[in-house]
Amino acid sequence: MWKQSLSTDAPASVILIRLLTGAVFLSEGIQKFINPAEVGAGRFAKIGLPNPEFLAPFVGTFEIVCGLLVVLGLVTRFAVIPLLAIISVAIISTKTPILTDKGFWATAHEARTDYAMLLGSVFLLIAGAGRWSLDARLANSRL
């Protein structure tokens, strides 16, 4: 079962989606620690998330660890699951107020990166890490 979750028939070009998706999550996680007032606990408090001093570093840690795993293509299908939860909460908590205040087009503009991250993560969950990944190497090894 373990090897099955690592195996992938996805083409080598999946590396482009994997690297970009993982790098954005990795970057966002690092920024939560570097600039907590703007991106971390301060931002979480501003949008009304509970216990922002705990939640922001918690989310940031998952973004860093899972983003790095996605970049490496290591346990990719498992790594994108928490990232899907994070991006879903981000879309709901930050884009719903824009939708109610400014309408569809403003929301579509503001959410374009979030939707790309959501779709990239869903794609990796379905397709796997691709031929050029540690998952592919492990799936083809004699473990």
N, C-alpha and C. Protein backbone atom coordinates (compact mmCIF):
# COMPACT_ATOMS: atom_id res chain seq x y z
N MET A 1 0.82 -1.20 0.00
CA MET A 1 0.00 0.00 0.00
C MET A 1 0.86 1.26 0.00
N TRP A 2 1.94 1.23 0.78
CA TRP A 2 2.83 2.39 0.86
C TRP A 2 3.39 2.74 -0.51
N LYS A 3 3.90 1.72 -1.21
CA LYS A 3 4.47 1.96 -2.54
C LYS A 3 3.40 2.41 -3.53
N GLN A 4 2.18 1.91 -3.38
CA GLN A 4 1.10 2.32 -4.26
C GLN A 4 0.82 3.81 -4.14
N SER A 5 0.88 4.33 -2.94
CA SER A 5 0.61 5.76 -2.75
C SER A 5 1.74 6.62 -3.32
N LEU A 6 2.92 6.04 -3.48
CA LEU A 6 4.05 6.78 -4.05
C LEU A 6 4.11 6.68 -5.56
N SER A 7 3.57 5.60 -6.11
CA SER A 7 3.69 5.37 -7.55
C SER A 7 2.91 6.42 -8.33
N THR A 8 3.41 6.71 -9.52
CA THR A 8 2.78 7.71 -10.37
C THR A 8 3.06 7.40 -11.83
N ASP A 9 2.05 7.56 -12.64
CA ASP A 9 2.20 7.45 -14.08
C ASP A 9 2.27 8.82 -14.73
N ALA A 10 2.29 9.84 -13.90
CA ALA A 10 2.28 11.22 -14.41
C ALA A 10 3.57 11.50 -15.16
N PRO A 11 3.51 12.32 -16.18
CA PRO A 11 4.71 12.63 -16.97
C PRO A 11 5.72 13.46 -16.18
N ALA A 12 6.91 13.51 -16.70
CA ALA A 12 7.98 14.26 -16.05
C ALA A 12 7.64 15.74 -15.92
N SER A 13 6.81 16.25 -16.82
CA SER A 13 6.47 17.68 -16.79
C SER A 13 5.70 18.08 -15.54
N VAL A 14 5.21 17.12 -14.76
CA VAL A 14 4.54 17.42 -13.50
C VAL A 14 5.48 18.16 -12.56
N ILE A 15 6.77 18.02 -12.79
CA ILE A 15 7.75 18.71 -11.94
C ILE A 15 7.49 20.22 -11.92
N LEU A 16 7.01 20.77 -13.01
CA LEU A 16 6.75 22.21 -13.07
C LEU A 16 5.64 22.60 -12.09
N ILE A 17 4.56 21.86 -12.09
CA ILE A 17 3.46 22.13 -11.16
C ILE A 17 3.92 21.87 -9.73
N ARG A 18 4.64 20.77 -9.54
CA ARG A 18 5.09 20.40 -8.20
C ARG A 18 6.03 21.44 -7.61
N LEU A 19 7.01 21.89 -8.39
CA LEU A 19 7.97 22.87 -7.88
C LEU A 19 7.31 24.20 -7.56
N LEU A 20 6.44 24.66 -8.43
CA LEU A 20 5.80 25.95 -8.19
C LEU A 20 4.85 25.88 -7.00
N THR A 21 4.03 24.85 -6.94
CA THR A 21 3.09 24.71 -5.83
C THR A 21 3.83 24.59 -4.51
N GLY A 22 4.82 23.72 -4.45
CA GLY A 22 5.59 23.54 -3.23
C GLY A 22 6.34 24.79 -2.82
N ALA A 23 6.93 25.48 -3.79
CA ALA A 23 7.70 26.69 -3.48
C ALA A 23 6.83 27.81 -2.94
N VAL A 24 5.62 27.95 -3.47
CA VAL A 24 4.73 29.00 -2.96
C VAL A 24 4.33 28.70 -1.52
N PHE A 25 3.95 27.46 -1.23
CA PHE A 25 3.61 27.12 0.15
C PHE A 25 4.82 27.27 1.07
N LEU A 26 5.97 26.84 0.64
CA LEU A 26 7.20 26.99 1.43
C LEU A 26 7.47 28.45 1.73
N SER A 27 7.38 29.29 0.72
CA SER A 27 7.60 30.72 0.88
C SER A 27 6.59 31.35 1.84
N GLU A 28 5.33 30.99 1.70
CA GLU A 28 4.29 31.53 2.59
C GLU A 28 4.55 31.13 4.04
N GLY A 29 4.97 29.89 4.24
CA GLY A 29 5.27 29.43 5.60
C GLY A 29 6.43 30.18 6.22
N ILE A 30 7.49 30.38 5.45
CA ILE A 30 8.66 31.12 5.94
C ILE A 30 8.27 32.56 6.28
N GLN A 31 7.45 33.17 5.43
CA GLN A 31 7.04 34.56 5.66
C GLN A 31 6.24 34.72 6.95
N LYS A 32 5.52 33.69 7.37
CA LYS A 32 4.75 33.77 8.61
C LYS A 32 5.68 33.92 9.82
N PHE A 33 6.91 33.45 9.70
CA PHE A 33 7.87 33.59 10.79
C PHE A 33 8.71 34.86 10.63
N ILE A 34 9.04 35.24 9.41
CA ILE A 34 9.86 36.42 9.16
C ILE A 34 9.08 37.71 9.41
N ASN A 35 7.83 37.72 9.00
CA ASN A 35 7.01 38.93 9.09
C ASN A 35 5.66 38.60 9.73
N PRO A 36 5.65 38.27 11.02
CA PRO A 36 4.42 37.81 11.64
C PRO A 36 3.31 38.86 11.71
N ALA A 37 3.66 40.12 11.80
CA ALA A 37 2.63 41.16 11.89
C ALA A 37 1.82 41.27 10.60
N GLU A 38 2.48 41.09 9.47
CA GLU A 38 1.81 41.24 8.18
C GLU A 38 1.22 39.94 7.66
N VAL A 39 1.93 38.84 7.83
CA VAL A 39 1.54 37.58 7.19
C VAL A 39 1.16 36.51 8.23
N GLY A 40 1.67 36.63 9.43
CA GLY A 40 1.45 35.61 10.45
C GLY A 40 0.33 35.95 11.41
N ALA A 41 0.65 35.99 12.69
CA ALA A 41 -0.37 36.19 13.73
C ALA A 41 -1.15 37.48 13.55
N GLY A 42 -0.48 38.54 13.11
CA GLY A 42 -1.18 39.80 12.88
C GLY A 42 -2.26 39.67 11.82
N ARG A 43 -1.94 39.01 10.75
CA ARG A 43 -2.91 38.78 9.66
C ARG A 43 -4.04 37.86 10.13
N PHE A 44 -3.69 36.81 10.86
CA PHE A 44 -4.70 35.88 11.35
C PHE A 44 -5.67 36.58 12.30
N ALA A 45 -5.14 37.46 13.16
CA ALA A 45 -6.00 38.22 14.08
C ALA A 45 -6.91 39.17 13.30
N LYS A 46 -6.36 39.81 12.28
CA LYS A 46 -7.12 40.77 11.47
C LYS A 46 -8.32 40.12 10.78
N ILE A 47 -8.15 38.89 10.32
CA ILE A 47 -9.26 38.23 9.63
C ILE A 47 -10.15 37.44 10.59
N GLY A 48 -9.83 37.48 11.88
CA GLY A 48 -10.72 36.91 12.89
C GLY A 48 -10.52 35.44 13.19
N LEU A 49 -9.37 34.88 12.85
CA LEU A 49 -9.10 33.48 13.19
C LEU A 49 -8.78 33.36 14.68
N PRO A 50 -9.24 32.30 15.33
CA PRO A 50 -9.01 32.16 16.77
C PRO A 50 -7.55 31.86 17.10
N ASN A 51 -7.13 32.33 18.26
CA ASN A 51 -5.79 32.06 18.80
C ASN A 51 -4.69 32.25 17.76
N PRO A 52 -4.57 33.45 17.20
CA PRO A 52 -3.62 33.66 16.10
C PRO A 52 -2.15 33.46 16.47
N GLU A 53 -1.80 33.68 17.75
CA GLU A 53 -0.40 33.51 18.16
C GLU A 53 0.03 32.04 18.10
N PHE A 54 -0.91 31.13 18.26
CA PHE A 54 -0.63 29.70 18.11
C PHE A 54 -0.86 29.25 16.67
N LEU A 55 -1.97 29.68 16.09
CA LEU A 55 -2.40 29.17 14.80
C LEU A 55 -1.45 29.55 13.66
N ALA A 56 -0.96 30.78 13.66
CA ALA A 56 -0.09 31.23 12.55
C ALA A 56 1.22 30.42 12.48
N PRO A 57 1.95 30.26 13.59
CA PRO A 57 3.16 29.42 13.50
C PRO A 57 2.83 27.95 13.21
N PHE A 58 1.70 27.47 13.70
CA PHE A 58 1.27 26.09 13.43
C PHE A 58 1.06 25.90 11.93
N VAL A 59 0.30 26.80 11.33
CA VAL A 59 0.04 26.75 9.88
C VAL A 59 1.35 26.95 9.12
N GLY A 60 2.16 27.92 9.55
CA GLY A 60 3.43 28.19 8.89
C GLY A 60 4.35 26.98 8.89
N THR A 61 4.38 26.26 9.99
CA THR A 61 5.21 25.05 10.07
C THR A 61 4.74 24.00 9.07
N PHE A 62 3.43 23.80 9.00
CA PHE A 62 2.89 22.85 8.01
C PHE A 62 3.21 23.30 6.59
N GLU A 63 3.10 24.60 6.32
CA GLU A 63 3.41 25.10 4.98
C GLU A 63 4.87 24.86 4.62
N ILE A 64 5.76 25.06 5.58
CA ILE A 64 7.19 24.86 5.33
C ILE A 64 7.49 23.38 5.11
N VAL A 65 7.07 22.54 6.04
CA VAL A 65 7.38 21.11 5.95
C VAL A 65 6.73 20.48 4.72
N CYS A 66 5.44 20.70 4.56
CA CYS A 66 4.72 20.08 3.43
C CYS A 66 5.15 20.70 2.10
N GLY A 67 5.41 22.01 2.08
CA GLY A 67 5.90 22.65 0.86
C GLY A 67 7.23 22.06 0.43
N LEU A 68 8.13 21.84 1.39
CA LEU A 68 9.43 21.23 1.08
C LEU A 68 9.26 19.79 0.58
N LEU A 69 8.37 19.04 1.21
CA LEU A 69 8.11 17.67 0.75
C LEU A 69 7.58 17.66 -0.68
N VAL A 70 6.71 18.61 -1.01
CA VAL A 70 6.17 18.70 -2.36
C VAL A 70 7.28 19.06 -3.34
N VAL A 71 8.12 20.01 -3.00
CA VAL A 71 9.25 20.39 -3.87
C VAL A 71 10.14 19.17 -4.14
N LEU A 72 10.41 18.40 -3.11
CA LEU A 72 11.25 17.21 -3.26
C LEU A 72 10.52 16.06 -3.94
N GLY A 73 9.21 16.12 -3.96
CA GLY A 73 8.44 15.01 -4.51
C GLY A 73 8.49 13.80 -3.59
N LEU A 74 8.47 14.05 -2.30
CA LEU A 74 8.55 12.99 -1.29
C LEU A 74 7.22 12.91 -0.54
N VAL A 75 6.60 11.76 -0.55
CA VAL A 75 5.26 11.54 0.01
C VAL A 75 4.30 12.67 -0.39
N THR A 76 4.33 12.99 -1.66
CA THR A 76 3.61 14.15 -2.19
C THR A 76 2.11 14.06 -1.94
N ARG A 77 1.53 12.92 -2.21
CA ARG A 77 0.07 12.79 -2.02
C ARG A 77 -0.33 13.03 -0.57
N PHE A 78 0.50 12.61 0.37
CA PHE A 78 0.21 12.85 1.78
C PHE A 78 0.49 14.31 2.15
N ALA A 79 1.53 14.88 1.59
CA ALA A 79 1.93 16.25 1.92
C ALA A 79 0.91 17.28 1.46
N VAL A 80 0.21 17.02 0.36
CA VAL A 80 -0.75 18.02 -0.12
C VAL A 80 -2.05 18.02 0.67
N ILE A 81 -2.32 17.00 1.45
CA ILE A 81 -3.58 16.96 2.20
C ILE A 81 -3.69 18.12 3.19
N PRO A 82 -2.68 18.34 4.07
CA PRO A 82 -2.80 19.51 4.95
C PRO A 82 -2.77 20.83 4.17
N LEU A 83 -2.06 20.86 3.05
CA LEU A 83 -2.01 22.08 2.24
C LEU A 83 -3.38 22.38 1.64
N LEU A 84 -4.12 21.35 1.26
CA LEU A 84 -5.48 21.55 0.77
C LEU A 84 -6.38 22.14 1.86
N ALA A 85 -6.22 21.66 3.08
CA ALA A 85 -7.00 22.21 4.19
C ALA A 85 -6.64 23.67 4.42
N ILE A 86 -5.34 23.97 4.41
CA ILE A 86 -4.88 25.34 4.64
C ILE A 86 -5.40 26.29 3.58
N ILE A 87 -5.28 25.92 2.31
CA ILE A 87 -5.70 26.83 1.23
C ILE A 87 -7.22 26.95 1.20
N SER A 88 -7.94 25.90 1.56
CA SER A 88 -9.40 25.98 1.61
C SER A 88 -9.86 26.96 2.68
N VAL A 89 -9.27 26.86 3.87
CA VAL A 89 -9.60 27.81 4.95
C VAL A 89 -9.20 29.22 4.55
N ALA A 90 -8.05 29.36 3.89
CA ALA A 90 -7.61 30.69 3.45
C ALA A 90 -8.61 31.30 2.47
N ILE A 91 -9.08 30.51 1.53
CA ILE A 91 -10.05 31.03 0.55
C ILE A 91 -11.34 31.42 1.24
N ILE A 92 -11.85 30.56 2.10
CA ILE A 92 -13.12 30.84 2.78
C ILE A 92 -13.00 32.05 3.70
N SER A 93 -11.93 32.12 4.48
CA SER A 93 -11.82 33.20 5.47
C SER A 93 -11.42 34.54 4.88
N THR A 94 -10.72 34.55 3.77
CA THR A 94 -10.28 35.84 3.22
C THR A 94 -11.05 36.29 1.99
N LYS A 95 -11.64 35.37 1.26
CA LYS A 95 -12.31 35.76 0.01
C LYS A 95 -13.81 35.93 0.16
N THR A 96 -14.43 35.28 1.15
CA THR A 96 -15.87 35.45 1.36
C THR A 96 -16.22 36.90 1.68
N PRO A 97 -15.47 37.59 2.55
CA PRO A 97 -15.80 39.01 2.79
C PRO A 97 -15.68 39.87 1.52
N ILE A 98 -14.73 39.56 0.68
CA ILE A 98 -14.58 40.31 -0.58
C ILE A 98 -15.79 40.05 -1.47
N LEU A 99 -16.23 38.81 -1.52
CA LEU A 99 -17.40 38.47 -2.33
C LEU A 99 -18.64 39.22 -1.85
N THR A 100 -18.85 39.26 -0.56
CA THR A 100 -20.05 39.94 -0.04
C THR A 100 -19.95 41.45 -0.15
N ASP A 101 -18.75 42.01 -0.03
CA ASP A 101 -18.58 43.47 -0.08
C ASP A 101 -18.43 44.01 -1.50
N LYS A 102 -17.64 43.33 -2.33
CA LYS A 102 -17.27 43.90 -3.63
C LYS A 102 -17.77 43.10 -4.83
N GLY A 103 -18.27 41.90 -4.62
CA GLY A 103 -18.83 41.14 -5.71
C GLY A 103 -17.89 40.11 -6.33
N PHE A 104 -18.43 39.46 -7.36
CA PHE A 104 -17.75 38.34 -7.99
C PHE A 104 -16.41 38.72 -8.62
N TRP A 105 -16.37 39.79 -9.42
CA TRP A 105 -15.16 40.11 -10.18
C TRP A 105 -14.00 40.49 -9.27
N ALA A 106 -14.28 41.21 -8.21
CA ALA A 106 -13.22 41.55 -7.26
C ALA A 106 -12.69 40.28 -6.58
N THR A 107 -13.61 39.38 -6.25
CA THR A 107 -13.21 38.12 -5.63
C THR A 107 -12.39 37.27 -6.59
N ALA A 108 -12.83 37.19 -7.84
CA ALA A 108 -12.09 36.42 -8.85
C ALA A 108 -10.67 36.95 -9.00
N HIS A 109 -10.52 38.27 -8.97
CA HIS A 109 -9.19 38.88 -9.09
C HIS A 109 -8.34 38.57 -7.85
N GLU A 110 -8.91 38.75 -6.68
CA GLU A 110 -8.16 38.55 -5.43
C GLU A 110 -7.81 37.08 -5.18
N ALA A 111 -8.63 36.17 -5.68
CA ALA A 111 -8.46 34.74 -5.36
C ALA A 111 -7.69 33.96 -6.40
N ARG A 112 -7.19 34.61 -7.44
CA ARG A 112 -6.57 33.87 -8.54
C ARG A 112 -5.39 33.02 -8.09
N THR A 113 -4.53 33.53 -7.23
CA THR A 113 -3.40 32.75 -6.74
C THR A 113 -3.87 31.61 -5.85
N ASP A 114 -4.84 31.90 -4.99
CA ASP A 114 -5.37 30.86 -4.11
C ASP A 114 -5.98 29.72 -4.91
N TYR A 115 -6.74 30.06 -5.94
CA TYR A 115 -7.35 29.02 -6.78
C TYR A 115 -6.28 28.22 -7.51
N ALA A 116 -5.23 28.86 -7.96
CA ALA A 116 -4.14 28.14 -8.63
C ALA A 116 -3.46 27.18 -7.66
N MET A 117 -3.27 27.61 -6.42
CA MET A 117 -2.66 26.73 -5.41
C MET A 117 -3.58 25.57 -5.06
N LEU A 118 -4.88 25.85 -4.98
CA LEU A 118 -5.85 24.80 -4.71
C LEU A 118 -5.84 23.76 -5.83
N LEU A 119 -5.91 24.22 -7.06
CA LEU A 119 -5.93 23.30 -8.20
C LEU A 119 -4.61 22.55 -8.35
N GLY A 120 -3.48 23.23 -8.11
CA GLY A 120 -2.18 22.54 -8.16
C GLY A 120 -2.10 21.44 -7.13
N SER A 121 -2.61 21.70 -5.94
CA SER A 121 -2.60 20.70 -4.87
C SER A 121 -3.52 19.53 -5.19
N VAL A 122 -4.71 19.82 -5.71
CA VAL A 122 -5.64 18.75 -6.10
C VAL A 122 -5.01 17.90 -7.21
N PHE A 123 -4.39 18.56 -8.17
CA PHE A 123 -3.73 17.83 -9.26
C PHE A 123 -2.67 16.88 -8.72
N LEU A 124 -1.83 17.36 -7.81
CA LEU A 124 -0.77 16.52 -7.25
C LEU A 124 -1.34 15.38 -6.41
N LEU A 125 -2.44 15.61 -5.74
CA LEU A 125 -3.09 14.55 -4.98
C LEU A 125 -3.54 13.43 -5.91
N ILE A 126 -4.09 13.81 -7.06
CA ILE A 126 -4.60 12.83 -8.02
C ILE A 126 -3.47 12.19 -8.82
N ALA A 127 -2.59 13.01 -9.39
CA ALA A 127 -1.58 12.53 -10.33
C ALA A 127 -0.33 11.99 -9.65
N GLY A 128 -0.02 12.48 -8.47
CA GLY A 128 1.23 12.11 -7.82
C GLY A 128 2.34 13.05 -8.23
N ALA A 129 3.54 12.75 -7.76
CA ALA A 129 4.67 13.66 -7.91
C ALA A 129 5.31 13.67 -9.28
N GLY A 130 5.04 12.66 -10.09
CA GLY A 130 5.64 12.61 -11.42
C GLY A 130 6.91 11.79 -11.46
N ARG A 131 7.38 11.60 -12.66
CA ARG A 131 8.53 10.73 -12.92
C ARG A 131 9.80 11.23 -12.25
N TRP A 132 10.01 12.54 -12.22
CA TRP A 132 11.22 13.10 -11.62
C TRP A 132 10.95 13.50 -10.17
N SER A 133 10.85 12.51 -9.32
CA SER A 133 10.55 12.77 -7.91
C SER A 133 11.15 11.67 -7.05
N LEU A 134 11.27 11.97 -5.77
CA LEU A 134 11.72 10.94 -4.83
C LEU A 134 10.66 9.86 -4.67
N ASP A 135 9.39 10.23 -4.80
CA ASP A 135 8.32 9.22 -4.76
C ASP A 135 8.53 8.16 -5.83
N ALA A 136 8.82 8.60 -7.05
CA ALA A 136 9.02 7.66 -8.16
C ALA A 136 10.22 6.75 -7.90
N ARG A 137 11.28 7.32 -7.35
CA ARG A 137 12.46 6.50 -7.03
C ARG A 137 12.13 5.46 -5.96
N LEU A 138 11.41 5.89 -4.92
CA LEU A 138 11.06 4.96 -3.85
C LEU A 138 10.08 3.89 -4.34
N ALA A 139 9.13 4.28 -5.17
CA ALA A 139 8.15 3.32 -5.70
C ALA A 139 8.82 2.26 -6.56
N ASN A 140 9.90 2.62 -7.23
CA ASN A 140 10.60 1.69 -8.11
C ASN A 140 11.75 0.96 -7.42
N SER A 141 11.99 1.26 -6.14
CA SER A 141 13.08 0.61 -5.42
C SER A 141 12.62 -0.74 -4.89
N ARG A 142 13.53 -1.45 -4.29
CA ARG A 142 13.23 -2.78 -3.76
C ARG A 142 12.90 -2.75 -2.27
N LEU A 143 12.41 -1.66 -1.79
CA LEU A 143 12.05 -1.57 -0.36
C LEU A 143 10.95 -2.52 0.01
